[in-house]
């Protein structure tokens, strides 16, 4: 686990999450790249190996991380770094095991709670037709291996209000040959994607998530301010809390707080947000463990 890109207080928060994970998984060994003084609460735990890394060594830390994973035969790598940076480093230092590596995460339908495996999230800025088809094939394999899901359904995410480009048309025609393909869905309906896999152009997925985040942030700030100043707001908030929680669980911060999997290399890599809570860090380590056992 690479902590070198985190500030001191962020490393300390991550340490709390590691402790939560180890309280339930005492048999799992961990190698941590970070500052020993930030990890005092877990330094004495059996199976925790802290490899000292100074702040000025950030650039060398990725090399050490990948080297250690091979030397110590670690099954998974967990990193708080930028996803593009990690993906490029993996391309240089690890062996590919699939033709088109991909970044995946899951989120629940805002109404039904059914989980959908989300698309690439920018591993490649301009994926080809073959990449789209490979992504879908690999995701189906992931669902079958991790969740035991047979014949998972899929939809193609397209920008709402715009026509299909030639690539989208080609992908749709190709996917129609697969009975599990359920057609397309507009970006404004993303939170209602009632399917197992949602695939789309990374730019469409990123802009969709960004727009939803902005809207939800404004809504949450407005609601919180109202609850502070009005009894009616506070009383009404009690009735919509569950709906609000479900909705917030479908936006990017909640999607990625449990980690994203960079899949397709000899080591599974879990990407973690820097602002992830201790519970989220524990969830990311669980994801790393589960994928190591099943992939």
C-alpha atoms as a PDB file:
ATOM      1  CA  UNK A   1       0.000   0.000   0.000  1.00  0.00           C
ATOM      2  CA  UNK A   2       1.469   3.309  -1.127  1.00  0.00           C
ATOM      3  CA  UNK A   3       0.855   6.204   1.299  1.00  0.00           C
ATOM      4  CA  UNK A   4       3.634   8.461   0.037  1.00  0.00           C
ATOM      5  CA  UNK A   5       1.355  10.827  -1.892  1.00  0.00           C
ATOM      6  CA  UNK A   6      -0.633  11.636   1.276  1.00  0.00           C
ATOM      7  CA  UNK A   7      -0.024  14.461   3.743  1.00  0.00           C
ATOM      8  CA  UNK A   8       0.869  13.529   7.333  1.00  0.00           C
ATOM      9  CA  UNK A   9      -2.700  13.862   8.642  1.00  0.00           C
ATOM     10  CA  UNK A  10      -4.022  11.904   5.643  1.00  0.00           C
ATOM     11  CA  UNK A  11      -1.564   9.083   6.364  1.00  0.00           C
ATOM     12  CA  UNK A  12      -2.787   9.038   9.957  1.00  0.00           C
ATOM     13  CA  UNK A  13      -6.416   8.776   8.775  1.00  0.00           C
ATOM     14  CA  UNK A  14      -5.459   5.956   6.412  1.00  0.00           C
ATOM     15  CA  UNK A  15      -3.763   4.233   9.368  1.00  0.00           C
ATOM     16  CA  UNK A  16      -7.107   4.189  11.198  1.00  0.00           C
ATOM     17  CA  UNK A  17      -8.702   2.504   8.194  1.00  0.00           C
ATOM     18  CA  UNK A  18      -5.908  -0.077   8.025  1.00  0.00           C
ATOM     19  CA  UNK A  19      -6.478  -0.831  11.720  1.00  0.00           C
ATOM     20  CA  UNK A  20     -10.225  -1.313  11.100  1.00  0.00           C
ATOM     21  CA  UNK A  21      -9.406  -3.769   8.307  1.00  0.00           C
ATOM     22  CA  UNK A  22      -6.852  -5.695  10.382  1.00  0.00           C
ATOM     23  CA  UNK A  23      -9.256  -6.026  13.325  1.00  0.00           C
ATOM     24  CA  UNK A  24     -11.343  -8.317  11.099  1.00  0.00           C
ATOM     25  CA  UNK A  25      -8.600  -9.771   8.879  1.00  0.00           C
ATOM     26  CA  UNK A  26      -5.784 -10.507  11.311  1.00  0.00           C
ATOM     27  CA  UNK A  27      -4.291 -13.139   9.039  1.00  0.00           C
ATOM     28  CA  UNK A  28      -3.629 -10.741   6.149  1.00  0.00           C
ATOM     29  CA  UNK A  29      -0.100  -9.320   5.862  1.00  0.00           C
ATOM     30  CA  UNK A  30       0.428  -5.751   4.646  1.00  0.00           C
ATOM     31  CA  UNK A  31       3.446  -3.819   3.393  1.00  0.00           C
ATOM     32  CA  UNK A  32       3.043  -0.047   3.804  1.00  0.00           C
ATOM     33  CA  UNK A  33       5.118   2.653   2.136  1.00  0.00           C
ATOM     34  CA  UNK A  34       4.924   5.745   4.326  1.00  0.00           C
ATOM     35  CA  UNK A  35       6.199   7.631   7.360  1.00  0.00           C
ATOM     36  CA  UNK A  36       6.559   5.466  10.439  1.00  0.00           C
ATOM     37  CA  UNK A  37       5.661   8.369  12.765  1.00  0.00           C
ATOM     38  CA  UNK A  38       2.273   8.696  11.036  1.00  0.00           C
ATOM     39  CA  UNK A  39       1.438   5.025  11.557  1.00  0.00           C
ATOM     40  CA  UNK A  40       2.224   4.558  15.244  1.00  0.00           C
ATOM     41  CA  UNK A  41      -1.251   3.151  15.995  1.00  0.00           C
ATOM     42  CA  UNK A  42      -0.607   0.139  13.751  1.00  0.00           C
ATOM     43  CA  UNK A  43       3.183  -0.164  13.890  1.00  0.00           C
ATOM     44  CA  UNK A  44       3.067  -2.877  16.556  1.00  0.00           C
ATOM     45  CA  UNK A  45       0.417  -5.038  14.856  1.00  0.00           C
ATOM     46  CA  UNK A  46       1.627  -8.445  13.707  1.00  0.00           C
ATOM     47  CA  UNK A  47       1.834  -8.745   9.932  1.00  0.00           C
ATOM     48  CA  UNK A  48       2.179  -4.971   9.385  1.00  0.00           C
ATOM     49  CA  UNK A  49       5.464  -4.073   7.696  1.00  0.00           C
ATOM     50  CA  UNK A  50       6.176  -0.341   7.383  1.00  0.00           C
ATOM     51  CA  UNK A  51       8.739   0.566   4.766  1.00  0.00           C
ATOM     52  CA  UNK A  52       9.990   4.068   5.477  1.00  0.00           C
ATOM     53  CA  UNK A  53       9.539   6.571   2.674  1.00  0.00           C
ATOM     54  CA  UNK A  54      10.308  10.273   2.957  1.00  0.00           C
ATOM     55  CA  UNK A  55       8.215  12.980   1.312  1.00  0.00           C
ATOM     56  CA  UNK A  56      11.014  13.837  -1.106  1.00  0.00           C
ATOM     57  CA  UNK A  57      10.988  10.222  -2.348  1.00  0.00           C
ATOM     58  CA  UNK A  58       7.492  10.392  -3.889  1.00  0.00           C
ATOM     59  CA  UNK A  59       8.778   9.957  -7.422  1.00  0.00           C
ATOM     60  CA  UNK A  60      10.750   6.831  -6.530  1.00  0.00           C
ATOM     61  CA  UNK A  61       7.916   5.346  -4.463  1.00  0.00           C
ATOM     62  CA  UNK A  62       6.023   3.887  -7.433  1.00  0.00           C
ATOM     63  CA  UNK A  63       9.145   2.026  -8.540  1.00  0.00           C
ATOM     64  CA  UNK A  64       9.575   0.679  -5.014  1.00  0.00           C
ATOM     65  CA  UNK A  65       5.891  -0.237  -4.824  1.00  0.00           C
ATOM     66  CA  UNK A  66       5.897  -2.370  -7.961  1.00  0.00           C
ATOM     67  CA  UNK A  67       9.269  -3.905  -7.113  1.00  0.00           C
ATOM     68  CA  UNK A  68       8.083  -4.809  -3.614  1.00  0.00           C
ATOM     69  CA  UNK A  69       4.890  -6.384  -4.942  1.00  0.00           C
ATOM     70  CA  UNK A  70       6.995  -8.815  -6.963  1.00  0.00           C
ATOM     71  CA  UNK A  71       9.710  -9.347  -4.362  1.00  0.00           C
ATOM     72  CA  UNK A  72       7.249 -10.035  -1.522  1.00  0.00           C
ATOM     73  CA  UNK A  73       4.765 -11.815  -3.833  1.00  0.00           C
ATOM     74  CA  UNK A  74       1.959  -9.426  -2.888  1.00  0.00           C
ATOM     75  CA  UNK A  75      -1.295 -10.242  -4.659  1.00  0.00           C
ATOM     76  CA  UNK A  76      -2.665  -6.701  -4.832  1.00  0.00           C
ATOM     77  CA  UNK A  77      -1.407  -3.111  -4.835  1.00  0.00           C
ATOM     78  CA  UNK A  78      -3.320  -0.261  -3.170  1.00  0.00           C
ATOM     79  CA  UNK A  79      -2.478   3.347  -4.050  1.00  0.00           C
ATOM     80  CA  UNK A  80      -3.817   6.834  -3.269  1.00  0.00           C
ATOM     81  CA  UNK A  81      -2.222   8.307  -6.378  1.00  0.00           C
ATOM     82  CA  UNK A  82      -3.865   9.724  -9.491  1.00  0.00           C
ATOM     83  CA  UNK A  83      -5.436   6.918 -11.545  1.00  0.00           C
ATOM     84  CA  UNK A  84      -3.714   7.971 -14.789  1.00  0.00           C
ATOM     85  CA  UNK A  85      -0.332   8.084 -13.073  1.00  0.00           C
ATOM     86  CA  UNK A  86      -0.796   4.598 -11.653  1.00  0.00           C
ATOM     87  CA  UNK A  87      -2.126   3.205 -14.949  1.00  0.00           C
ATOM     88  CA  UNK A  88       0.870   4.536 -16.890  1.00  0.00           C
ATOM     89  CA  UNK A  89       3.251   3.164 -14.250  1.00  0.00           C
ATOM     90  CA  UNK A  90       1.544  -0.235 -14.456  1.00  0.00           C
ATOM     91  CA  UNK A  91       1.956  -0.249 -18.252  1.00  0.00           C
ATOM     92  CA  UNK A  92       5.708   0.243 -17.833  1.00  0.00           C
ATOM     93  CA  UNK A  93       6.357  -2.084 -14.905  1.00  0.00           C
ATOM     94  CA  UNK A  94       3.804  -4.900 -14.998  1.00  0.00           C
ATOM     95  CA  UNK A  95       2.802  -7.561 -17.494  1.00  0.00           C
ATOM     96  CA  UNK A  96      -0.635  -7.276 -19.076  1.00  0.00           C
ATOM     97  CA  UNK A  97      -2.932 -10.277 -18.744  1.00  0.00           C
ATOM     98  CA  UNK A  98      -5.826  -8.906 -20.861  1.00  0.00           C
ATOM     99  CA  UNK A  99      -5.816  -7.015 -24.159  1.00  0.00           C
ATOM    100  CA  UNK A 100      -7.509  -3.881 -22.796  1.00  0.00           C
ATOM    101  CA  UNK A 101      -6.918  -3.183 -19.076  1.00  0.00           C
ATOM    102  CA  UNK A 102      -9.723  -1.215 -17.466  1.00  0.00           C
ATOM    103  CA  UNK A 103     -10.749   0.715 -14.382  1.00  0.00           C
ATOM    104  CA  UNK A 104     -14.002  -0.451 -12.801  1.00  0.00           C
ATOM    105  CA  UNK A 105     -16.204   0.412  -9.845  1.00  0.00           C
ATOM    106  CA  UNK A 106     -19.831  -0.188  -8.870  1.00  0.00           C
ATOM    107  CA  UNK A 107     -22.691   2.060  -7.825  1.00  0.00           C
ATOM    108  CA  UNK A 108     -26.303   1.403  -6.773  1.00  0.00           C
ATOM    109  CA  UNK A 109     -29.395   2.394  -8.740  1.00  0.00           C
ATOM    110  CA  UNK A 110     -30.803   5.476  -7.002  1.00  0.00           C
ATOM    111  CA  UNK A 111     -34.259   3.841  -6.772  1.00  0.00           C
ATOM    112  CA  UNK A 112     -33.850   0.071  -6.660  1.00  0.00           C
ATOM    113  CA  UNK A 113     -30.424  -0.283  -5.024  1.00  0.00           C
ATOM    114  CA  UNK A 114     -29.330  -2.746  -7.744  1.00  0.00           C
ATOM    115  CA  UNK A 115     -25.605  -2.417  -8.392  1.00  0.00           C
ATOM    116  CA  UNK A 116     -24.190  -1.536 -11.806  1.00  0.00           C
ATOM    117  CA  UNK A 117     -20.565  -2.031 -12.803  1.00  0.00           C
ATOM    118  CA  UNK A 118     -19.420   1.342 -14.137  1.00  0.00           C
ATOM    119  CA  UNK A 119     -17.332   1.938 -17.245  1.00  0.00           C
ATOM    120  CA  UNK A 120     -13.724   2.696 -17.926  1.00  0.00           C
ATOM    121  CA  UNK A 121     -13.437   6.042 -16.084  1.00  0.00           C
ATOM    122  CA  UNK A 122     -10.644   7.217 -18.294  1.00  0.00           C
ATOM    123  CA  UNK A 123      -8.036   4.485 -18.607  1.00  0.00           C
ATOM    124  CA  UNK A 124      -7.900   5.452 -22.282  1.00  0.00           C
ATOM    125  CA  UNK A 125      -9.055   8.879 -23.435  1.00  0.00           C
ATOM    126  CA  UNK A 126     -10.038   7.726 -26.924  1.00  0.00           C
ATOM    127  CA  UNK A 127     -10.952   4.028 -26.838  1.00  0.00           C
ATOM    128  CA  UNK A 128     -11.349   2.179 -30.121  1.00  0.00           C
ATOM    129  CA  UNK A 129     -14.250  -0.057 -31.123  1.00  0.00           C
ATOM    130  CA  UNK A 130     -12.126  -3.060 -30.141  1.00  0.00           C
ATOM    131  CA  UNK A 131     -11.440  -1.489 -26.738  1.00  0.00           C
ATOM    132  CA  UNK A 132     -15.172  -1.021 -26.113  1.00  0.00           C
ATOM    133  CA  UNK A 133     -15.869  -4.637 -26.996  1.00  0.00           C
ATOM    134  CA  UNK A 134     -12.909  -5.872 -24.937  1.00  0.00           C
ATOM    135  CA  UNK A 135     -14.013  -3.766 -21.968  1.00  0.00           C
ATOM    136  CA  UNK A 136     -17.442  -5.363 -22.059  1.00  0.00           C
ATOM    137  CA  UNK A 137     -16.060  -8.891 -22.366  1.00  0.00           C
ATOM    138  CA  UNK A 138     -13.671  -8.376 -19.446  1.00  0.00           C
ATOM    139  CA  UNK A 139     -16.372  -6.841 -17.267  1.00  0.00           C
ATOM    140  CA  UNK A 140     -18.617  -9.818 -17.879  1.00  0.00           C
ATOM    141  CA  UNK A 141     -15.747 -12.053 -16.796  1.00  0.00           C
ATOM    142  CA  UNK A 142     -15.242  -9.919 -13.671  1.00  0.00           C
ATOM    143  CA  UNK A 143     -18.894 -10.190 -12.664  1.00  0.00           C
ATOM    144  CA  UNK A 144     -18.891 -13.935 -13.175  1.00  0.00           C
ATOM    145  CA  UNK A 145     -15.723 -14.393 -11.115  1.00  0.00           C
ATOM    146  CA  UNK A 146     -16.417 -11.943  -8.279  1.00  0.00           C
ATOM    147  CA  UNK A 147     -20.212 -12.071  -7.966  1.00  0.00           C
ATOM    148  CA  UNK A 148     -21.025 -15.376  -9.641  1.00  0.00           C
ATOM    149  CA  UNK A 149     -23.250 -13.406 -12.025  1.00  0.00           C
ATOM    150  CA  UNK A 150     -24.270 -15.336 -15.151  1.00  0.00           C
ATOM    151  CA  UNK A 151     -25.111 -13.570 -18.428  1.00  0.00           C
ATOM    152  CA  UNK A 152     -24.864 -10.030 -16.986  1.00  0.00           C
ATOM    153  CA  UNK A 153     -26.912  -7.405 -18.848  1.00  0.00           C
ATOM    154  CA  UNK A 154     -25.302  -4.290 -20.320  1.00  0.00           C
ATOM    155  CA  UNK A 155     -26.189  -0.859 -21.720  1.00  0.00           C
ATOM    156  CA  UNK A 156     -24.226   1.788 -23.608  1.00  0.00           C
ATOM    157  CA  UNK A 157     -24.079   5.271 -22.023  1.00  0.00           C
ATOM    158  CA  UNK A 158     -24.529   8.123 -24.522  1.00  0.00           C
ATOM    159  CA  UNK A 159     -24.633  11.906 -23.974  1.00  0.00           C
ATOM    160  CA  UNK A 160     -28.265  12.990 -23.634  1.00  0.00           C
ATOM    161  CA  UNK A 161     -29.560  15.285 -26.345  1.00  0.00           C
ATOM    162  CA  UNK A 162     -26.810  14.482 -28.848  1.00  0.00           C
ATOM    163  CA  UNK A 163     -26.805  12.126 -31.804  1.00  0.00           C
ATOM    164  CA  UNK A 164     -24.723   8.952 -31.997  1.00  0.00           C
ATOM    165  CA  UNK A 165     -21.326   9.188 -33.654  1.00  0.00           C
ATOM    166  CA  UNK A 166     -20.094   6.487 -36.027  1.00  0.00           C
ATOM    167  CA  UNK A 167     -18.187   4.654 -33.266  1.00  0.00           C
ATOM    168  CA  UNK A 168     -21.276   4.462 -31.030  1.00  0.00           C
ATOM    169  CA  UNK A 169     -23.328   3.110 -33.937  1.00  0.00           C
ATOM    170  CA  UNK A 170     -20.717   0.441 -34.684  1.00  0.00           C
ATOM    171  CA  UNK A 171     -20.516  -0.635 -31.030  1.00  0.00           C
ATOM    172  CA  UNK A 172     -24.323  -0.827 -30.767  1.00  0.00           C
ATOM    173  CA  UNK A 173     -24.613  -2.951 -33.910  1.00  0.00           C
ATOM    174  CA  UNK A 174     -21.912  -5.303 -32.647  1.00  0.00           C
ATOM    175  CA  UNK A 175     -23.437  -5.583 -29.169  1.00  0.00           C
ATOM    176  CA  UNK A 176     -26.884  -6.350 -30.591  1.00  0.00           C
ATOM    177  CA  UNK A 177     -25.503  -9.778 -31.468  1.00  0.00           C
ATOM    178  CA  UNK A 178     -25.281 -10.453 -27.712  1.00  0.00           C
ATOM    179  CA  UNK A 179     -28.645 -11.237 -26.103  1.00  0.00           C
ATOM    180  CA  UNK A 180     -27.507  -9.653 -22.822  1.00  0.00           C
ATOM    181  CA  UNK A 181     -27.201  -6.197 -24.443  1.00  0.00           C
ATOM    182  CA  UNK A 182     -30.186  -4.020 -23.509  1.00  0.00           C
ATOM    183  CA  UNK A 183     -29.533  -0.985 -25.699  1.00  0.00           C
ATOM    184  CA  UNK A 184     -28.495   2.554 -24.840  1.00  0.00           C
ATOM    185  CA  UNK A 185     -29.183   4.967 -22.004  1.00  0.00           C
ATOM    186  CA  UNK A 186     -28.851   8.778 -21.938  1.00  0.00           C
ATOM    187  CA  UNK A 187     -26.401  10.336 -19.479  1.00  0.00           C
ATOM    188  CA  UNK A 188     -29.165  12.131 -17.539  1.00  0.00           C
ATOM    189  CA  UNK A 189     -30.619   8.697 -16.716  1.00  0.00           C
ATOM    190  CA  UNK A 190     -27.338   7.224 -15.460  1.00  0.00           C
ATOM    191  CA  UNK A 191     -28.529   6.896 -11.871  1.00  0.00           C
ATOM    192  CA  UNK A 192     -31.389   4.734 -13.122  1.00  0.00           C
ATOM    193  CA  UNK A 193     -29.249   2.290 -15.093  1.00  0.00           C
ATOM    194  CA  UNK A 194     -31.103  -0.937 -14.343  1.00  0.00           C
ATOM    195  CA  UNK A 195     -28.411  -3.215 -15.767  1.00  0.00           C
ATOM    196  CA  UNK A 196     -25.309  -5.060 -14.577  1.00  0.00           C
ATOM    197  CA  UNK A 197     -22.755  -3.236 -16.741  1.00  0.00           C
ATOM    198  CA  UNK A 198     -22.707   0.344 -18.025  1.00  0.00           C
ATOM    199  CA  UNK A 199     -20.146   1.057 -20.722  1.00  0.00           C
ATOM    200  CA  UNK A 200     -19.395   4.422 -22.273  1.00  0.00           C
ATOM    201  CA  UNK A 201     -16.849   6.850 -23.666  1.00  0.00           C
ATOM    202  CA  UNK A 202     -14.633   7.936 -20.726  1.00  0.00           C
ATOM    203  CA  UNK A 203     -15.273  11.634 -21.445  1.00  0.00           C
ATOM    204  CA  UNK A 204     -19.039  11.081 -21.323  1.00  0.00           C
ATOM    205  CA  UNK A 205     -18.757   9.154 -18.056  1.00  0.00           C
ATOM    206  CA  UNK A 206     -16.464  11.770 -16.496  1.00  0.00           C
ATOM    207  CA  UNK A 207     -18.617  14.749 -17.516  1.00  0.00           C
ATOM    208  CA  UNK A 208     -21.788  12.967 -16.388  1.00  0.00           C
ATOM    209  CA  UNK A 209     -20.319  12.275 -12.958  1.00  0.00           C
ATOM    210  CA  UNK A 210     -18.940  15.813 -12.710  1.00  0.00           C
ATOM    211  CA  UNK A 211     -22.325  17.367 -13.535  1.00  0.00           C
ATOM    212  CA  UNK A 212     -24.134  15.167 -11.022  1.00  0.00           C
ATOM    213  CA  UNK A 213     -21.569  16.018  -8.333  1.00  0.00           C
ATOM    214  CA  UNK A 214     -22.011  19.747  -8.866  1.00  0.00           C
ATOM    215  CA  UNK A 215     -25.786  19.485  -8.705  1.00  0.00           C
ATOM    216  CA  UNK A 216     -25.757  17.303  -5.606  1.00  0.00           C
ATOM    217  CA  UNK A 217     -23.270  19.608  -3.853  1.00  0.00           C
ATOM    218  CA  UNK A 218     -25.529  22.633  -4.420  1.00  0.00           C
ATOM    219  CA  UNK A 219     -28.591  20.650  -3.294  1.00  0.00           C
ATOM    220  CA  UNK A 220     -26.910  19.355  -0.122  1.00  0.00           C
ATOM    221  CA  UNK A 221     -25.588  22.804   0.829  1.00  0.00           C
ATOM    222  CA  UNK A 222     -29.031  24.343   0.271  1.00  0.00           C
ATOM    223  CA  UNK A 223     -30.742  21.659   2.344  1.00  0.00           C
ATOM    224  CA  UNK A 224     -28.221  21.883   5.206  1.00  0.00           C
ATOM    225  CA  UNK A 225     -28.509  25.667   5.346  1.00  0.00           C
ATOM    226  CA  UNK A 226     -32.298  25.369   5.408  1.00  0.00           C
ATOM    227  CA  UNK A 227     -32.205  22.797   8.212  1.00  0.00           C
ATOM    228  CA  UNK A 228     -30.102  25.165  10.296  1.00  0.00           C
ATOM    229  CA  UNK A 229     -32.546  28.057   9.940  1.00  0.00           C
ATOM    230  CA  UNK A 230     -35.997  26.513   9.609  1.00  0.00           C
ATOM    231  CA  UNK A 231     -37.915  24.008  11.726  1.00  0.00           C
ATOM    232  CA  UNK A 232     -39.975  23.005   8.667  1.00  0.00           C
ATOM    233  CA  UNK A 233     -36.790  22.175   6.757  1.00  0.00           C
ATOM    234  CA  UNK A 234     -35.431  20.187   9.704  1.00  0.00           C
ATOM    235  CA  UNK A 235     -38.698  18.277  10.201  1.00  0.00           C
ATOM    236  CA  UNK A 236     -39.072  17.535   6.478  1.00  0.00           C
ATOM    237  CA  UNK A 237     -35.453  16.413   6.313  1.00  0.00           C
ATOM    238  CA  UNK A 238     -36.250  13.494   8.613  1.00  0.00           C
ATOM    239  CA  UNK A 239     -38.632  12.067   6.008  1.00  0.00           C
ATOM    240  CA  UNK A 240     -36.301  12.362   3.025  1.00  0.00           C
ATOM    241  CA  UNK A 241     -33.082  11.260   4.756  1.00  0.00           C
ATOM    242  CA  UNK A 242     -33.223   7.694   3.376  1.00  0.00           C
ATOM    243  CA  UNK A 243     -33.941   8.925  -0.162  1.00  0.00           C
ATOM    244  CA  UNK A 244     -31.116  11.421   0.133  1.00  0.00           C
ATOM    245  CA  UNK A 245     -28.696   8.758   1.388  1.00  0.00           C
ATOM    246  CA  UNK A 246     -29.604   6.449  -1.532  1.00  0.00           C
ATOM    247  CA  UNK A 247     -29.129   9.281  -3.979  1.00  0.00           C
ATOM    248  CA  UNK A 248     -25.774  10.311  -2.516  1.00  0.00           C
ATOM    249  CA  UNK A 249     -24.660   6.681  -2.696  1.00  0.00           C
ATOM    250  CA  UNK A 250     -24.981   6.926  -6.472  1.00  0.00           C
ATOM    251  CA  UNK A 251     -22.587   9.841  -7.045  1.00  0.00           C
ATOM    252  CA  UNK A 252     -18.878   9.712  -7.744  1.00  0.00           C
ATOM    253  CA  UNK A 253     -17.511  10.337  -4.233  1.00  0.00           C
ATOM    254  CA  UNK A 254     -19.582   7.448  -2.915  1.00  0.00           C
ATOM    255  CA  UNK A 255     -18.819   5.278  -5.951  1.00  0.00           C
ATOM    256  CA  UNK A 256     -15.085   5.628  -5.510  1.00  0.00           C
ATOM    257  CA  UNK A 257     -14.888   5.793  -1.705  1.00  0.00           C
ATOM    258  CA  UNK A 258     -14.771   2.001  -1.600  1.00  0.00           C
ATOM    259  CA  UNK A 259     -12.009   1.887  -4.200  1.00  0.00           C
ATOM    260  CA  UNK A 260     -11.712   1.373  -7.939  1.00  0.00           C
ATOM    261  CA  UNK A 261     -10.050  -1.659  -9.442  1.00  0.00           C
ATOM    262  CA  UNK A 262      -7.436  -1.242 -12.180  1.00  0.00           C
ATOM    263  CA  UNK A 263      -7.778  -4.682 -13.716  1.00  0.00           C
ATOM    264  CA  UNK A 264      -5.796  -6.368 -16.434  1.00  0.00           C
ATOM    265  CA  UNK A 265      -2.225  -6.655 -15.149  1.00  0.00           C
ATOM    266  CA  UNK A 266      -0.341  -9.405 -13.321  1.00  0.00           C
ATOM    267  CA  UNK A 267      -1.205  -7.627 -10.041  1.00  0.00           C
ATOM    268  CA  UNK A 268      -4.642  -6.232  -9.227  1.00  0.00           C
ATOM    269  CA  UNK A 269      -4.431  -2.544  -8.340  1.00  0.00           C
ATOM    270  CA  UNK A 270      -6.961  -0.737  -6.143  1.00  0.00           C
ATOM    271  CA  UNK A 271      -7.162   3.047  -6.502  1.00  0.00           C
ATOM    272  CA  UNK A 272      -8.214   5.075  -3.453  1.00  0.00           C
ATOM    273  CA  UNK A 273      -9.337   8.696  -3.122  1.00  0.00           C
ATOM    274  CA  UNK A 274      -7.201  10.845  -0.833  1.00  0.00           C
ATOM    275  CA  UNK A 275     -10.279  12.056   1.081  1.00  0.00           C
ATOM    276  CA  UNK A 276     -11.615   8.542   1.697  1.00  0.00           C
ATOM    277  CA  UNK A 277     -12.753   7.956   5.292  1.00  0.00           C
ATOM    278  CA  UNK A 278     -11.156   5.249   7.499  1.00  0.00           C
ATOM    279  CA  UNK A 279     -14.165   3.023   6.741  1.00  0.00           C
ATOM    280  CA  UNK A 280     -13.583   3.631   3.030  1.00  0.00           C
ATOM    281  CA  UNK A 281      -9.900   2.685   3.355  1.00  0.00           C
ATOM    282  CA  UNK A 282     -10.943  -0.569   5.066  1.00  0.00           C
ATOM    283  CA  UNK A 283     -13.391  -1.197   2.197  1.00  0.00           C
ATOM    284  CA  UNK A 284     -10.599  -0.627  -0.341  1.00  0.00           C
ATOM    285  CA  UNK A 285      -8.392  -3.171   1.418  1.00  0.00           C
ATOM    286  CA  UNK A 286     -11.304  -5.622   1.408  1.00  0.00           C
ATOM    287  CA  UNK A 287     -11.669  -5.042  -2.332  1.00  0.00           C
ATOM    288  CA  UNK A 288      -7.958  -5.769  -2.796  1.00  0.00           C
ATOM    289  CA  UNK A 289      -8.261  -8.948  -0.751  1.00  0.00           C
ATOM    290  CA  UNK A 290     -11.416 -10.169  -2.510  1.00  0.00           C
ATOM    291  CA  UNK A 291     -10.009  -9.605  -5.979  1.00  0.00           C
ATOM    292  CA  UNK A 292      -6.733 -11.276  -5.015  1.00  0.00           C
ATOM    293  CA  UNK A 293      -8.668 -14.360  -3.932  1.00  0.00           C
ATOM    294  CA  UNK A 294     -11.009 -14.536  -6.926  1.00  0.00           C
ATOM    295  CA  UNK A 295      -9.125 -13.147  -9.937  1.00  0.00           C
END
